[in-house]
């Protein structure tokens, strides 16, 4: 059976761990995660497009 839970990039996971240590509230962690995940996706697409050329 497969889970539909997306894998978290190790750097994003590390950042969330640091936010936890700092005592950051869940809403802030969610916002940081959203921006980092978006950045990761954009960078991945950019690299993919440059490799397709």
N, C-alpha and C. Protein backbone atom coordinates (compact mmCIF):
# COMPACT_ATOMS: atom_id res chain seq x y z
N UNK A 1 0.84 -1.18 0.00
CA UNK A 1 0.00 0.00 0.00
C UNK A 1 0.88 1.25 0.00
N UNK A 2 0.56 2.21 -0.89
CA UNK A 2 1.34 3.43 -0.99
C UNK A 2 0.66 4.57 -0.27
N UNK A 3 1.46 5.41 0.36
CA UNK A 3 0.93 6.61 1.00
C UNK A 3 1.02 7.77 0.02
N UNK A 4 0.09 8.69 0.09
CA UNK A 4 0.11 9.87 -0.75
C UNK A 4 0.77 11.05 -0.06
N UNK A 5 1.54 10.79 0.97
CA UNK A 5 2.23 11.85 1.69
C UNK A 5 3.48 12.22 0.90
N UNK A 6 3.58 13.50 0.50
CA UNK A 6 4.76 13.91 -0.28
C UNK A 6 6.02 13.88 0.58
N UNK A 7 7.14 13.55 -0.05
CA UNK A 7 8.42 13.58 0.66
C UNK A 7 8.83 15.03 0.86
N UNK A 8 9.45 15.28 1.99
CA UNK A 8 9.93 16.63 2.29
C UNK A 8 11.42 16.67 2.01
N UNK A 9 11.84 17.69 1.26
CA UNK A 9 13.26 17.86 0.95
C UNK A 9 14.03 17.97 2.28
N UNK A 10 15.22 17.36 2.36
CA UNK A 10 15.98 17.37 3.62
C UNK A 10 16.26 18.78 4.17
N UNK A 11 16.50 19.74 3.29
CA UNK A 11 16.76 21.10 3.76
C UNK A 11 15.51 21.72 4.38
N UNK A 12 14.35 21.46 3.78
CA UNK A 12 13.10 21.97 4.33
C UNK A 12 12.83 21.32 5.68
N UNK A 13 13.08 20.02 5.77
CA UNK A 13 12.89 19.30 7.03
C UNK A 13 13.80 19.87 8.13
N UNK A 14 15.04 20.16 7.77
CA UNK A 14 16.00 20.73 8.72
C UNK A 14 15.54 22.12 9.20
N UNK A 15 15.04 22.91 8.25
CA UNK A 15 14.53 24.24 8.60
C UNK A 15 13.37 24.14 9.58
N UNK A 16 12.44 23.22 9.31
CA UNK A 16 11.29 23.04 10.21
C UNK A 16 11.74 22.57 11.59
N UNK A 17 12.79 21.74 11.64
CA UNK A 17 13.33 21.30 12.92
C UNK A 17 13.90 22.48 13.69
N UNK A 18 14.63 23.36 13.00
CA UNK A 18 15.17 24.55 13.66
C UNK A 18 14.05 25.46 14.17
N UNK A 19 12.99 25.59 13.37
CA UNK A 19 11.86 26.41 13.81
C UNK A 19 11.22 25.81 15.07
N UNK A 20 11.17 24.49 15.12
CA UNK A 20 10.63 23.80 16.30
C UNK A 20 11.48 24.10 17.53
N UNK A 21 12.81 24.02 17.37
CA UNK A 21 13.73 24.29 18.47
C UNK A 21 13.57 25.73 18.97
N UNK A 22 13.32 26.64 18.04
CA UNK A 22 13.15 28.05 18.39
C UNK A 22 11.79 28.35 19.02
N UNK A 23 10.90 27.35 19.01
CA UNK A 23 9.59 27.53 19.62
C UNK A 23 8.61 28.29 18.74
N UNK A 24 8.82 28.22 17.44
CA UNK A 24 7.95 28.92 16.50
C UNK A 24 6.56 28.30 16.50
N UNK A 25 5.54 29.15 16.39
CA UNK A 25 4.17 28.63 16.39
C UNK A 25 3.86 27.91 15.07
N UNK A 26 2.84 27.07 15.10
CA UNK A 26 2.50 26.23 13.95
C UNK A 26 2.16 27.03 12.70
N UNK A 27 1.50 28.16 12.86
CA UNK A 27 1.11 28.98 11.71
C UNK A 27 2.35 29.50 10.99
N UNK A 28 3.34 29.95 11.72
CA UNK A 28 4.58 30.43 11.12
C UNK A 28 5.31 29.30 10.42
N UNK A 29 5.37 28.13 11.06
CA UNK A 29 6.01 26.97 10.43
C UNK A 29 5.31 26.60 9.13
N UNK A 30 3.99 26.69 9.12
CA UNK A 30 3.22 26.37 7.92
C UNK A 30 3.54 27.36 6.80
N UNK A 31 3.64 28.64 7.12
CA UNK A 31 3.96 29.66 6.12
C UNK A 31 5.36 29.44 5.56
N UNK A 32 6.33 29.20 6.44
CA UNK A 32 7.71 28.95 6.00
C UNK A 32 7.76 27.72 5.10
N UNK A 33 7.09 26.65 5.51
CA UNK A 33 7.05 25.43 4.71
C UNK A 33 6.47 25.70 3.32
N UNK A 34 5.37 26.45 3.27
CA UNK A 34 4.71 26.74 2.01
C UNK A 34 5.66 27.48 1.06
N UNK A 35 6.36 28.50 1.56
CA UNK A 35 7.28 29.25 0.72
C UNK A 35 8.47 28.41 0.28
N UNK A 36 9.03 27.63 1.18
CA UNK A 36 10.18 26.79 0.82
C UNK A 36 9.78 25.72 -0.20
N UNK A 37 8.62 25.12 -0.02
CA UNK A 37 8.15 24.09 -0.95
C UNK A 37 7.90 24.69 -2.33
N UNK A 38 7.32 25.89 -2.38
CA UNK A 38 7.09 26.58 -3.65
C UNK A 38 8.41 26.89 -4.33
N UNK A 39 9.37 27.39 -3.58
CA UNK A 39 10.69 27.68 -4.13
C UNK A 39 11.34 26.42 -4.68
N UNK A 40 11.25 25.33 -3.94
CA UNK A 40 11.82 24.06 -4.38
C UNK A 40 11.19 23.59 -5.69
N UNK A 41 9.86 23.69 -5.79
CA UNK A 41 9.17 23.28 -7.01
C UNK A 41 9.57 24.15 -8.19
N UNK A 42 9.66 25.47 -7.98
CA UNK A 42 10.06 26.38 -9.05
C UNK A 42 11.48 26.10 -9.51
N UNK A 43 12.37 25.84 -8.58
CA UNK A 43 13.76 25.54 -8.94
C UNK A 43 13.84 24.22 -9.70
N UNK A 44 13.08 23.23 -9.27
CA UNK A 44 13.07 21.94 -9.95
C UNK A 44 12.57 22.08 -11.38
N UNK A 45 11.51 22.86 -11.58
CA UNK A 45 10.98 23.09 -12.93
C UNK A 45 11.99 23.85 -13.79
N UNK A 46 12.64 24.83 -13.20
CA UNK A 46 13.64 25.61 -13.93
C UNK A 46 14.79 24.73 -14.39
N UNK A 47 15.26 23.87 -13.52
CA UNK A 47 16.35 22.95 -13.88
C UNK A 47 15.89 21.98 -14.95
N UNK A 48 14.68 21.47 -14.81
CA UNK A 48 14.14 20.53 -15.80
C UNK A 48 14.05 21.19 -17.16
N UNK A 49 13.56 22.43 -17.22
CA UNK A 49 13.42 23.13 -18.49
C UNK A 49 14.78 23.42 -19.11
N UNK A 50 15.77 23.76 -18.31
CA UNK A 50 17.09 24.04 -18.86
C UNK A 50 17.76 22.76 -19.35
N UNK A 51 17.44 21.62 -18.76
CA UNK A 51 17.99 20.35 -19.21
C UNK A 51 17.31 19.85 -20.48
N UNK A 52 16.08 20.29 -20.72
CA UNK A 52 15.34 19.87 -21.91
C UNK A 52 15.82 20.58 -23.17
N UNK A 53 16.58 21.62 -23.02
CA UNK A 53 17.04 22.40 -24.19
C UNK A 53 18.18 21.75 -24.87
